[in-house]
Amino acid sequence: MDTCGEIALSGPSVMKGYYNRPQATAEVFAGGWLYTGDLGYTDAKGNYFITGPREGRHRSFSSGKNIYPEEIEAYYLRTPWIKELCVLGLESRKPGEPLSERLHGVIVPEL
């Protein structure tokens, strides 16, 4: 495996920042680059591989709860029926309302 590092993005299709959240924007942008919080590497053929989240990365909900996706994924990946799993936080169309933020899992079953 080649050297693993944090994935950073730049270009016209990358967001300019979080709406009305200057502190959150400052935490992920540096020198014109968006630091995704994900780790990855490039192989000799130029293929990109995402290996997982940066250590300690979490999803903060407006309720004040912090969710660590890798902990939830590790728990559920113990079952033989799940091949791959991605846990993420999603917000409904009405941000700030009770229950507008929810945890979701995308599962690839082990058939």
Protein backbone atom coordinates (compact mmCIF):
# COMPACT_ATOMS: atom_id res chain seq x y z
CA MET A 1 0.00 0.00 0.00
CA ASP A 2 1.22 3.47 -0.81
CA THR A 3 1.40 6.25 1.79
CA CYS A 4 -1.97 7.01 3.34
CA GLY A 5 -3.02 10.61 4.03
CA GLU A 6 -6.03 12.87 4.42
CA ILE A 7 -7.98 13.51 1.24
CA ALA A 8 -8.14 17.18 0.23
CA LEU A 9 -10.20 18.56 -2.67
CA SER A 10 -10.01 21.74 -4.71
CA GLY A 11 -11.78 22.95 -7.84
CA PRO A 12 -14.91 24.64 -9.18
CA SER A 13 -17.25 21.82 -8.03
CA VAL A 14 -16.11 21.95 -4.39
CA MET A 15 -18.35 23.85 -1.99
CA LYS A 16 -17.25 27.30 -0.85
CA GLY A 17 -18.16 26.59 2.77
CA TYR A 18 -20.99 25.77 5.14
CA TYR A 19 -23.98 28.12 4.99
CA ASN A 20 -23.90 30.55 7.95
CA ARG A 21 -21.28 28.42 9.74
CA PRO A 22 -17.93 30.25 9.49
CA GLN A 23 -16.32 28.24 12.31
CA ALA A 24 -17.22 24.90 10.66
CA THR A 25 -15.93 26.23 7.33
CA ALA A 26 -12.62 27.31 8.90
CA GLU A 27 -12.20 23.81 10.39
CA VAL A 28 -12.25 22.05 7.00
CA PHE A 29 -10.63 24.60 4.65
CA ALA A 30 -6.96 25.53 4.46
CA GLY A 31 -5.11 27.17 1.58
CA GLY A 32 -8.06 26.82 -0.77
CA TRP A 33 -8.38 23.06 -0.11
CA LEU A 34 -11.32 21.23 1.47
CA TYR A 35 -10.00 18.61 3.89
CA THR A 36 -12.60 15.83 3.85
CA GLY A 37 -11.63 14.09 7.08
CA ASP A 38 -11.24 10.84 5.13
CA LEU A 39 -7.98 8.96 4.71
CA GLY A 40 -6.87 7.43 1.43
CA TYR A 41 -4.05 6.75 -0.99
CA THR A 42 -3.25 6.54 -4.70
CA ASP A 43 -1.73 3.41 -6.22
CA ALA A 44 0.90 3.24 -8.99
CA LYS A 45 -1.83 3.22 -11.66
CA GLY A 46 -3.37 6.47 -10.38
CA ASN A 47 -6.39 4.81 -8.73
CA TYR A 48 -7.69 6.42 -5.53
CA PHE A 49 -8.68 4.39 -2.48
CA ILE A 50 -10.54 5.64 0.59
CA THR A 51 -9.48 3.68 3.65
CA GLY A 52 -11.72 5.27 6.29
CA PRO A 53 -12.22 8.34 8.44
CA ARG A 54 -9.44 10.27 10.15
CA GLU A 55 -9.06 9.11 13.76
CA GLY A 56 -11.49 10.77 16.13
CA ARG A 57 -13.71 12.04 13.32
CA HIS A 58 -17.32 12.32 14.34
CA ARG A 59 -20.65 13.68 13.22
CA SER A 60 -22.05 16.36 15.54
CA PHE A 61 -25.81 16.67 15.75
CA SER A 62 -27.58 19.87 16.77
CA SER A 63 -28.85 18.00 19.84
CA GLY A 64 -25.24 18.07 21.07
CA LYS A 65 -24.66 14.35 20.51
CA ASN A 66 -21.50 13.22 18.75
CA ILE A 67 -21.66 10.09 16.61
CA TYR A 68 -18.51 8.16 15.69
CA PRO A 69 -19.40 6.23 12.50
CA GLU A 70 -16.41 3.88 12.70
CA GLU A 71 -17.56 2.58 16.11
CA ILE A 72 -21.05 1.84 14.81
CA GLU A 73 -19.67 0.26 11.64
CA ALA A 74 -17.26 -1.93 13.63
CA TYR A 75 -20.13 -3.16 15.82
CA TYR A 76 -22.41 -4.12 12.93
CA LEU A 77 -19.61 -5.57 10.78
CA ARG A 78 -19.23 -8.35 13.35
CA THR A 79 -22.21 -10.09 11.77
CA PRO A 80 -21.47 -12.48 8.89
CA TRP A 81 -24.44 -11.09 6.93
CA ILE A 82 -22.95 -7.64 6.26
CA LYS A 83 -20.16 -7.38 3.68
CA GLU A 84 -19.75 -3.58 3.73
CA LEU A 85 -21.35 -0.78 5.71
CA CYS A 86 -21.27 3.01 5.67
CA VAL A 87 -22.84 4.99 8.52
CA LEU A 88 -23.65 8.65 7.95
CA GLY A 89 -25.75 11.45 9.41
CA LEU A 90 -28.38 13.01 7.19
CA GLU A 91 -30.48 16.09 7.73
CA SER A 92 -34.05 16.48 6.48
CA ARG A 93 -35.22 19.39 4.37
CA LYS A 94 -36.16 21.37 7.48
CA PRO A 95 -32.91 21.84 9.44
CA GLY A 96 -33.16 22.66 13.12
CA GLU A 97 -36.49 20.94 13.70
CA PRO A 98 -36.69 18.08 16.20
CA LEU A 99 -35.66 14.80 14.58
CA SER A 100 -34.41 16.60 11.45
CA GLU A 101 -31.05 14.86 11.86
CA ARG A 102 -30.95 11.10 11.64
CA LEU A 103 -28.35 8.40 11.46
CA HIS A 104 -28.44 6.19 8.37
CA GLY A 105 -26.59 3.08 7.29
CA VAL A 106 -25.92 1.92 3.75
CA ILE A 107 -25.39 -1.84 3.76
CA VAL A 108 -23.95 -4.25 1.20
CA PRO A 109 -25.18 -7.70 2.30
CA GLU A 110 -22.94 -10.76 2.33
CA LEU A 111 -24.85 -13.14 0.09
